[in-house]
Amino acid sequence: MAKSYWLINSNSSEVKRFIKNDKSIEGVFEYMFIDSGKIFSLLGKEPPLMTTTISVEIELAREIYERLISQGWRRTNLFD
């Protein structure tokens, strides 16, 4: 399975997971899944409840990731 990259919002209530679509064709059709979820327990005690998944081209996923970082989201590895 592809490596996932997690972001968490500033008040630790939401997460985003970025993961490459394994069925992407390298250099031709490269897509990422972006999963969104909510945190209902203490961080790390239970996994977040994932609510939505979208599939976007790699370049758009990078833009979304960078935009979230600029809005105060932080990288985390609590859910790997």
PDB file of N, CA and C in Angstrom:
ATOM      1  N   MET A   1       0.848  -1.186   0.000  1.00  0.00           N
ATOM      2  CA  MET A   1       0.000   0.000   0.000  1.00  0.00           C
ATOM      3  C   MET A   1       0.890   1.245   0.000  1.00  0.00           C
ATOM      4  N   ALA A   2       0.418   2.273  -0.666  1.00  0.00           N
ATOM      5  CA  ALA A   2       1.170   3.520  -0.779  1.00  0.00           C
ATOM      6  C   ALA A   2       1.263   4.223   0.568  1.00  0.00           C
ATOM      7  N   LYS A   3       2.337   4.996   0.730  1.00  0.00           N
ATOM      8  CA  LYS A   3       2.523   5.776   1.953  1.00  0.00           C
ATOM      9  C   LYS A   3       1.451   6.854   2.033  1.00  0.00           C
ATOM     10  N   SER A   4       0.952   7.086   3.231  1.00  0.00           N
ATOM     11  CA  SER A   4      -0.063   8.123   3.415  1.00  0.00           C
ATOM     12  C   SER A   4       0.547   9.316   4.147  1.00  0.00           C
ATOM     13  N   TYR A   5      -0.016  10.474   3.879  1.00  0.00           N
ATOM     14  CA  TYR A   5       0.418  11.730   4.492  1.00  0.00           C
ATOM     15  C   TYR A   5      -0.797  12.342   5.170  1.00  0.00           C
ATOM     16  N   TRP A   6      -0.677  12.601   6.457  1.00  0.00           N
ATOM     17  CA  TRP A   6      -1.802  13.089   7.265  1.00  0.00           C
ATOM     18  C   TRP A   6      -1.607  14.552   7.641  1.00  0.00           C
ATOM     19  N   LEU A   7      -2.705  15.291   7.644  1.00  0.00           N
ATOM     20  CA  LEU A   7      -2.751  16.655   8.174  1.00  0.00           C
ATOM     21  C   LEU A   7      -3.853  16.708   9.218  1.00  0.00           C
ATOM     22  N   ILE A   8      -3.643  17.545  10.228  1.00  0.00           N
ATOM     23  CA  ILE A   8      -4.643  17.747  11.280  1.00  0.00           C
ATOM     24  C   ILE A   8      -4.873  19.247  11.434  1.00  0.00           C
ATOM     25  N   ASN A   9      -6.125  19.641  11.660  1.00  0.00           N
ATOM     26  CA  ASN A   9      -6.406  21.076  11.757  1.00  0.00           C
ATOM     27  C   ASN A   9      -5.947  21.629  13.108  1.00  0.00           C
ATOM     28  N   SER A  10      -5.989  22.942  13.240  1.00  0.00           N
ATOM     29  CA  SER A  10      -5.408  23.608  14.410  1.00  0.00           C
ATOM     30  C   SER A  10      -6.108  23.282  15.724  1.00  0.00           C
ATOM     31  N   ASN A  11      -7.390  22.919  15.689  1.00  0.00           N
ATOM     32  CA  ASN A  11      -8.064  22.586  16.950  1.00  0.00           C
ATOM     33  C   ASN A  11      -8.224  21.073  17.135  1.00  0.00           C
ATOM     34  N   SER A  12      -7.485  20.302  16.325  1.00  0.00           N
ATOM     35  CA  SER A  12      -7.420  18.834  16.445  1.00  0.00           C
ATOM     36  C   SER A  12      -8.783  18.150  16.366  1.00  0.00           C
ATOM     37  N   SER A  13      -9.652  18.659  15.510  1.00  0.00           N
ATOM     38  CA  SER A  13     -10.978  18.050  15.361  1.00  0.00           C
ATOM     39  C   SER A  13     -11.179  17.379  14.001  1.00  0.00           C
ATOM     40  N   GLU A  14     -10.309  17.701  13.041  1.00  0.00           N
ATOM     41  CA  GLU A  14     -10.452  17.134  11.699  1.00  0.00           C
ATOM     42  C   GLU A  14      -9.094  16.703  11.168  1.00  0.00           C
ATOM     43  N   VAL A  15      -9.119  15.696  10.290  1.00  0.00           N
ATOM     44  CA  VAL A  15      -7.895  15.237   9.638  1.00  0.00           C
ATOM     45  C   VAL A  15      -8.137  15.086   8.139  1.00  0.00           C
ATOM     46  N   LYS A  16      -7.049  15.118   7.402  1.00  0.00           N
ATOM     47  CA  LYS A  16      -7.050  14.816   5.971  1.00  0.00           C
ATOM     48  C   LYS A  16      -5.922  13.813   5.748  1.00  0.00           C
ATOM     49  N   ARG A  17      -6.212  12.775   4.944  1.00  0.00           N
ATOM     50  CA  ARG A  17      -5.190  11.793   4.578  1.00  0.00           C
ATOM     51  C   ARG A  17      -5.008  11.845   3.067  1.00  0.00           C
ATOM     52  N   PHE A  18      -3.761  11.994   2.644  1.00  0.00           N
ATOM     53  CA  PHE A  18      -3.404  12.013   1.232  1.00  0.00           C
ATOM     54  C   PHE A  18      -2.671  10.711   0.938  1.00  0.00           C
ATOM     55  N   ILE A  19      -3.171   9.975  -0.049  1.00  0.00           N
ATOM     56  CA  ILE A  19      -2.559   8.694  -0.390  1.00  0.00           C
ATOM     57  C   ILE A  19      -2.651   8.485  -1.900  1.00  0.00           C
ATOM     58  N   LYS A  20      -1.535   8.057  -2.497  1.00  0.00           N
ATOM     59  CA  LYS A  20      -1.518   7.877  -3.946  1.00  0.00           C
ATOM     60  C   LYS A  20      -2.389   6.689  -4.335  1.00  0.00           C
ATOM     61  N   ASN A  21      -3.143   6.872  -5.394  1.00  0.00           N
ATOM     62  CA  ASN A  21      -3.966   5.805  -5.943  1.00  0.00           C
ATOM     63  C   ASN A  21      -3.034   4.758  -6.555  1.00  0.00           C
ATOM     64  N   ASP A  22      -3.033   3.547  -6.014  1.00  0.00           N
ATOM     65  CA  ASP A  22      -2.157   2.478  -6.493  1.00  0.00           C
ATOM     66  C   ASP A  22      -2.407   2.118  -7.953  1.00  0.00           C
ATOM     67  N   LYS A  23      -3.563   2.457  -8.468  1.00  0.00           N
ATOM     68  CA  LYS A  23      -3.896   2.114  -9.845  1.00  0.00           C
ATOM     69  C   LYS A  23      -3.480   3.206 -10.838  1.00  0.00           C
ATOM     70  N   SER A  24      -2.816   4.261 -10.317  1.00  0.00           N
ATOM     71  CA  SER A  24      -2.321   5.323 -11.186  1.00  0.00           C
ATOM     72  C   SER A  24      -1.238   4.772 -12.114  1.00  0.00           C
ATOM     73  N   ILE A  25      -1.168   5.314 -13.309  1.00  0.00           N
ATOM     74  CA  ILE A  25      -0.119   4.948 -14.251  1.00  0.00           C
ATOM     75  C   ILE A  25       0.963   6.020 -14.147  1.00  0.00           C
ATOM     76  N   GLU A  26       2.115   5.624 -13.634  1.00  0.00           N
ATOM     77  CA  GLU A  26       3.231   6.548 -13.378  1.00  0.00           C
ATOM     78  C   GLU A  26       3.503   7.434 -14.594  1.00  0.00           C
ATOM     79  N   GLY A  27       3.472   8.749 -14.382  1.00  0.00           N
ATOM     80  CA  GLY A  27       3.783   9.698 -15.431  1.00  0.00           C
ATOM     81  C   GLY A  27       2.656   9.968 -16.427  1.00  0.00           C
ATOM     82  N   VAL A  28       1.564   9.227 -16.349  1.00  0.00           N
ATOM     83  CA  VAL A  28       0.463   9.424 -17.297  1.00  0.00           C
ATOM     84  C   VAL A  28      -0.779   9.904 -16.561  1.00  0.00           C
ATOM     85  N   PHE A  29      -1.382   9.006 -15.791  1.00  0.00           N
ATOM     86  CA  PHE A  29      -2.568   9.344 -15.005  1.00  0.00           C
ATOM     87  C   PHE A  29      -2.239   9.116 -13.545  1.00  0.00           C
ATOM     88  N   GLU A  30      -1.786  10.152 -12.866  1.00  0.00           N
ATOM     89  CA  GLU A  30      -1.431  10.016 -11.457  1.00  0.00           C
ATOM     90  C   GLU A  30      -2.472  10.742 -10.612  1.00  0.00           C
ATOM     91  N   TYR A  31      -3.071   9.985  -9.712  1.00  0.00           N
ATOM     92  CA  TYR A  31      -4.133  10.518  -8.866  1.00  0.00           C
ATOM     93  C   TYR A  31      -3.834  10.234  -7.399  1.00  0.00           C
ATOM     94  N   MET A  32      -4.370  11.088  -6.549  1.00  0.00           N
ATOM     95  CA  MET A  32      -4.287  10.910  -5.102  1.00  0.00           C
ATOM     96  C   MET A  32      -5.708  10.830  -4.571  1.00  0.00           C
ATOM     97  N   PHE A  33      -5.866  10.023  -3.535  1.00  0.00           N
ATOM     98  CA  PHE A  33      -7.095  10.048  -2.761  1.00  0.00           C
ATOM     99  C   PHE A  33      -6.885  11.027  -1.619  1.00  0.00           C
ATOM    100  N   ILE A  34      -7.885  11.845  -1.357  1.00  0.00           N
ATOM    101  CA  ILE A  34      -7.874  12.713  -0.181  1.00  0.00           C
ATOM    102  C   ILE A  34      -9.076  12.313   0.659  1.00  0.00           C
ATOM    103  N   ASP A  35      -8.783  11.731   1.815  1.00  0.00           N
ATOM    104  CA  ASP A  35      -9.824  11.318   2.754  1.00  0.00           C
ATOM    105  C   ASP A  35      -9.968  12.396   3.816  1.00  0.00           C
ATOM    106  N   SER A  36     -11.186  12.682   4.198  1.00  0.00           N
ATOM    107  CA  SER A  36     -11.454  13.637   5.278  1.00  0.00           C
ATOM    108  C   SER A  36     -12.106  12.895   6.429  1.00  0.00           C
ATOM    109  N   GLY A  37     -11.757  13.288   7.652  1.00  0.00           N
ATOM    110  CA  GLY A  37     -12.332  12.624   8.806  1.00  0.00           C
ATOM    111  C   GLY A  37     -12.449  13.544  10.000  1.00  0.00           C
ATOM    112  N   LYS A  38     -13.189  13.070  10.991  1.00  0.00           N
ATOM    113  CA  LYS A  38     -13.407  13.815  12.235  1.00  0.00           C
ATOM    114  C   LYS A  38     -12.828  13.021  13.401  1.00  0.00           C
ATOM    115  N   ILE A  39     -12.294  13.748  14.368  1.00  0.00           N
ATOM    116  CA  ILE A  39     -11.738  13.136  15.573  1.00  0.00           C
ATOM    117  C   ILE A  39     -12.755  13.312  16.690  1.00  0.00           C
ATOM    118  N   PHE A  40     -13.138  12.198  17.301  1.00  0.00           N
ATOM    119  CA  PHE A  40     -14.143  12.238  18.363  1.00  0.00           C
ATOM    120  C   PHE A  40     -13.586  11.836  19.722  1.00  0.00           C
ATOM    121  N   SER A  41     -12.331  11.374  19.777  1.00  0.00           N
ATOM    122  CA  SER A  41     -11.749  10.946  21.051  1.00  0.00           C
ATOM    123  C   SER A  41     -10.420  11.656  21.254  1.00  0.00           C
ATOM    124  N   LEU A  42      -9.759  11.345  22.342  1.00  0.00           N
ATOM    125  CA  LEU A  42      -8.435  11.893  22.573  1.00  0.00           C
ATOM    126  C   LEU A  42      -7.514  11.471  21.443  1.00  0.00           C
ATOM    127  N   LEU A  43      -6.624  12.359  21.050  1.00  0.00           N
ATOM    128  CA  LEU A  43      -5.733  12.071  19.935  1.00  0.00           C
ATOM    129  C   LEU A  43      -4.982  10.764  20.141  1.00  0.00           C
ATOM    130  N   GLY A  44      -5.020   9.918  19.145  1.00  0.00           N
ATOM    131  CA  GLY A  44      -4.291   8.677  19.183  1.00  0.00           C
ATOM    132  C   GLY A  44      -4.988   7.532  19.882  1.00  0.00           C
ATOM    133  N   LYS A  45      -6.061   7.802  20.634  1.00  0.00           N
ATOM    134  CA  LYS A  45      -6.780   6.740  21.344  1.00  0.00           C
ATOM    135  C   LYS A  45      -7.611   5.891  20.385  1.00  0.00           C
ATOM    136  N   GLU A  46      -8.306   6.528  19.476  1.00  0.00           N
ATOM    137  CA  GLU A  46      -9.120   5.832  18.477  1.00  0.00           C
ATOM    138  C   GLU A  46      -8.863   6.486  17.121  1.00  0.00           C
ATOM    139  N   PRO A  47      -8.988   5.716  16.057  1.00  0.00           N
ATOM    140  CA  PRO A  47      -8.798   6.330  14.738  1.00  0.00           C
ATOM    141  C   PRO A  47      -9.918   7.313  14.436  1.00  0.00           C
ATOM    142  N   PRO A  48      -9.648   8.292  13.575  1.00  0.00           N
ATOM    143  CA  PRO A  48     -10.703   9.239  13.209  1.00  0.00           C
ATOM    144  C   PRO A  48     -11.787   8.547  12.403  1.00  0.00           C
ATOM    145  N   LEU A  49     -12.965   9.113  12.430  1.00  0.00           N
ATOM    146  CA  LEU A  49     -14.072   8.624  11.617  1.00  0.00           C
ATOM    147  C   LEU A  49     -13.945   9.287  10.245  1.00  0.00           C
ATOM    148  N   MET A  50     -13.603   8.481   9.240  1.00  0.00           N
ATOM    149  CA  MET A  50     -13.423   9.019   7.895  1.00  0.00           C
ATOM    150  C   MET A  50     -14.797   9.193   7.253  1.00  0.00           C
ATOM    151  N   THR A  51     -15.042  10.382   6.724  1.00  0.00           N
ATOM    152  CA  THR A  51     -16.374  10.714   6.239  1.00  0.00           C
ATOM    153  C   THR A  51     -16.470  10.848   4.722  1.00  0.00           C
ATOM    154  N   THR A  52     -15.407  11.322   4.069  1.00  0.00           N
ATOM    155  CA  THR A  52     -15.459  11.486   2.615  1.00  0.00           C
ATOM    156  C   THR A  52     -14.111  11.133   1.985  1.00  0.00           C
ATOM    157  N   THR A  53     -14.171  10.759   0.728  1.00  0.00           N
ATOM    158  CA  THR A  53     -12.970  10.499  -0.070  1.00  0.00           C
ATOM    159  C   THR A  53     -13.178  11.104  -1.441  1.00  0.00           C
ATOM    160  N   ILE A  54     -12.157  11.818  -1.912  1.00  0.00           N
ATOM    161  CA  ILE A  54     -12.186  12.313  -3.284  1.00  0.00           C
ATOM    162  C   ILE A  54     -10.907  11.852  -3.977  1.00  0.00           C
ATOM    163  N   SER A  55     -10.945  11.784  -5.294  1.00  0.00           N
ATOM    164  CA  SER A  55      -9.778  11.435  -6.088  1.00  0.00           C
ATOM    165  C   SER A  55      -9.464  12.624  -6.984  1.00  0.00           C
ATOM    166  N   VAL A  56      -8.227  13.104  -6.891  1.00  0.00           N
ATOM    167  CA  VAL A  56      -7.825  14.273  -7.685  1.00  0.00           C
ATOM    168  C   VAL A  56      -6.460  14.006  -8.314  1.00  0.00           C
ATOM    169  N   GLU A  57      -6.154  14.759  -9.368  1.00  0.00           N
ATOM    170  CA  GLU A  57      -4.838  14.645  -9.981  1.00  0.00           C
ATOM    171  C   GLU A  57      -3.771  15.066  -8.985  1.00  0.00           C
ATOM    172  N   ILE A  58      -2.586  14.493  -9.141  1.00  0.00           N
ATOM    173  CA  ILE A  58      -1.494  14.727  -8.189  1.00  0.00           C
ATOM    174  C   ILE A  58      -1.198  16.213  -7.995  1.00  0.00           C
ATOM    175  N   GLU A  59      -1.154  16.976  -9.065  1.00  0.00           N
ATOM    176  CA  GLU A  59      -0.840  18.409  -8.941  1.00  0.00           C
ATOM    177  C   GLU A  59      -1.880  19.138  -8.100  1.00  0.00           C
ATOM    178  N   LEU A  60      -3.156  18.824  -8.294  1.00  0.00           N
ATOM    179  CA  LEU A  60      -4.206  19.457  -7.488  1.00  0.00           C
ATOM    180  C   LEU A  60      -4.085  19.024  -6.032  1.00  0.00           C
ATOM    181  N   ALA A  61      -3.756  17.773  -5.783  1.00  0.00           N
ATOM    182  CA  ALA A  61      -3.570  17.299  -4.410  1.00  0.00           C
ATOM    183  C   ALA A  61      -2.444  18.074  -3.726  1.00  0.00           C
ATOM    184  N   ARG A  62      -1.372  18.329  -4.443  1.00  0.00           N
ATOM    185  CA  ARG A  62      -0.250  19.118  -3.880  1.00  0.00           C
ATOM    186  C   ARG A  62      -0.707  20.528  -3.534  1.00  0.00           C
ATOM    187  N   GLU A  63      -1.496  21.131  -4.424  1.00  0.00           N
ATOM    188  CA  GLU A  63      -2.005  22.482  -4.159  1.00  0.00           C
ATOM    189  C   GLU A  63      -2.899  22.495  -2.925  1.00  0.00           C
ATOM    190  N   ILE A  64      -3.775  21.522  -2.805  1.00  0.00           N
ATOM    191  CA  ILE A  64      -4.670  21.435  -1.650  1.00  0.00           C
ATOM    192  C   ILE A  64      -3.860  21.251  -0.373  1.00  0.00           C
ATOM    193  N   TYR A  65      -2.871  20.367  -0.402  1.00  0.00           N
ATOM    194  CA  TYR A  65      -2.008  20.100   0.755  1.00  0.00           C
ATOM    195  C   TYR A  65      -1.308  21.391   1.205  1.00  0.00           C
ATOM    196  N   GLU A  66      -0.687  22.088   0.265  1.00  0.00           N
ATOM    197  CA  GLU A  66       0.024  23.330   0.591  1.00  0.00           C
ATOM    198  C   GLU A  66      -0.929  24.408   1.100  1.00  0.00           C
ATOM    199  N   ARG A  67      -2.127  24.487   0.517  1.00  0.00           N
ATOM    200  CA  ARG A  67      -3.113  25.470   0.969  1.00  0.00           C
ATOM    201  C   ARG A  67      -3.526  25.187   2.414  1.00  0.00           C
ATOM    202  N   LEU A  68      -3.757  23.920   2.738  1.00  0.00           N
ATOM    203  CA  LEU A  68      -4.118  23.556   4.113  1.00  0.00           C
ATOM    204  C   LEU A  68      -2.994  23.897   5.087  1.00  0.00           C
ATOM    205  N   ILE A  69      -1.746  23.616   4.715  1.00  0.00           N
ATOM    206  CA  ILE A  69      -0.596  23.970   5.564  1.00  0.00           C
ATOM    207  C   ILE A  69      -0.578  25.482   5.808  1.00  0.00           C
ATOM    208  N   SER A  70      -0.825  26.258   4.764  1.00  0.00           N
ATOM    209  CA  SER A  70      -0.804  27.723   4.917  1.00  0.00           C
ATOM    210  C   SER A  70      -1.965  28.225   5.780  1.00  0.00           C
ATOM    211  N   GLN A  71      -3.022  27.408   5.928  1.00  0.00           N
ATOM    212  CA  GLN A  71      -4.168  27.780   6.753  1.00  0.00           C
ATOM    213  C   GLN A  71      -4.040  27.282   8.191  1.00  0.00           C
ATOM    214  N   GLY A  72      -2.884  26.708   8.536  1.00  0.00           N
ATOM    215  CA  GLY A  72      -2.666  26.300   9.918  1.00  0.00           C
ATOM    216  C   GLY A  72      -2.775  24.809  10.185  1.00  0.00           C
ATOM    217  N   TRP A  73      -3.091  24.004   9.181  1.00  0.00           N
ATOM    218  CA  TRP A  73      -3.089  22.556   9.371  1.00  0.00           C
ATOM    219  C   TRP A  73      -1.643  22.118   9.579  1.00  0.00           C
ATOM    220  N   ARG A  74      -1.443  21.022  10.340  1.00  0.00           N
ATOM    221  CA  ARG A  74      -0.098  20.529  10.632  1.00  0.00           C
ATOM    222  C   ARG A  74       0.044  19.079  10.193  1.00  0.00           C
ATOM    223  N   ARG A  75       1.269  18.711   9.879  1.00  0.00           N
ATOM    224  CA  ARG A  75       1.551  17.314   9.562  1.00  0.00           C
ATOM    225  C   ARG A  75       1.469  16.492  10.839  1.00  0.00           C
ATOM    226  N   THR A  76       0.994  15.261  10.721  1.00  0.00           N
ATOM    227  CA  THR A  76       0.945  14.354  11.871  1.00  0.00           C
ATOM    228  C   THR A  76       1.163  12.931  11.390  1.00  0.00           C
ATOM    229  N   ASN A  77       1.643  12.077  12.276  1.00  0.00           N
ATOM    230  CA  ASN A  77       1.773  10.655  11.949  1.00  0.00           C
ATOM    231  C   ASN A  77       1.073   9.816  13.018  1.00  0.00           C
ATOM    232  N   LEU A  78       0.152  10.420  13.750  1.00  0.00           N
ATOM    233  CA  LEU A  78      -0.570   9.719  14.817  1.00  0.00           C
ATOM    234  C   LEU A  78      -1.420   8.563  14.303  1.00  0.00           C
ATOM    235  N   PHE A  79      -1.795   8.597  13.038  1.00  0.00           N
ATOM    236  CA  PHE A  79      -2.759   7.619  12.540  1.00  0.00           C
ATOM    237  C   PHE A  79      -2.153   6.632  11.554  1.00  0.00           C
ATOM    238  N   ASP A  80      -0.854   6.626  11.401  1.00  0.00           N
ATOM    239  CA  ASP A  80      -0.190   5.668  10.491  1.00  0.00           C
ATOM    240  C   ASP A  80      -0.234   4.278  11.063  1.00  0.00           C
TER     241      ASP A  80
END
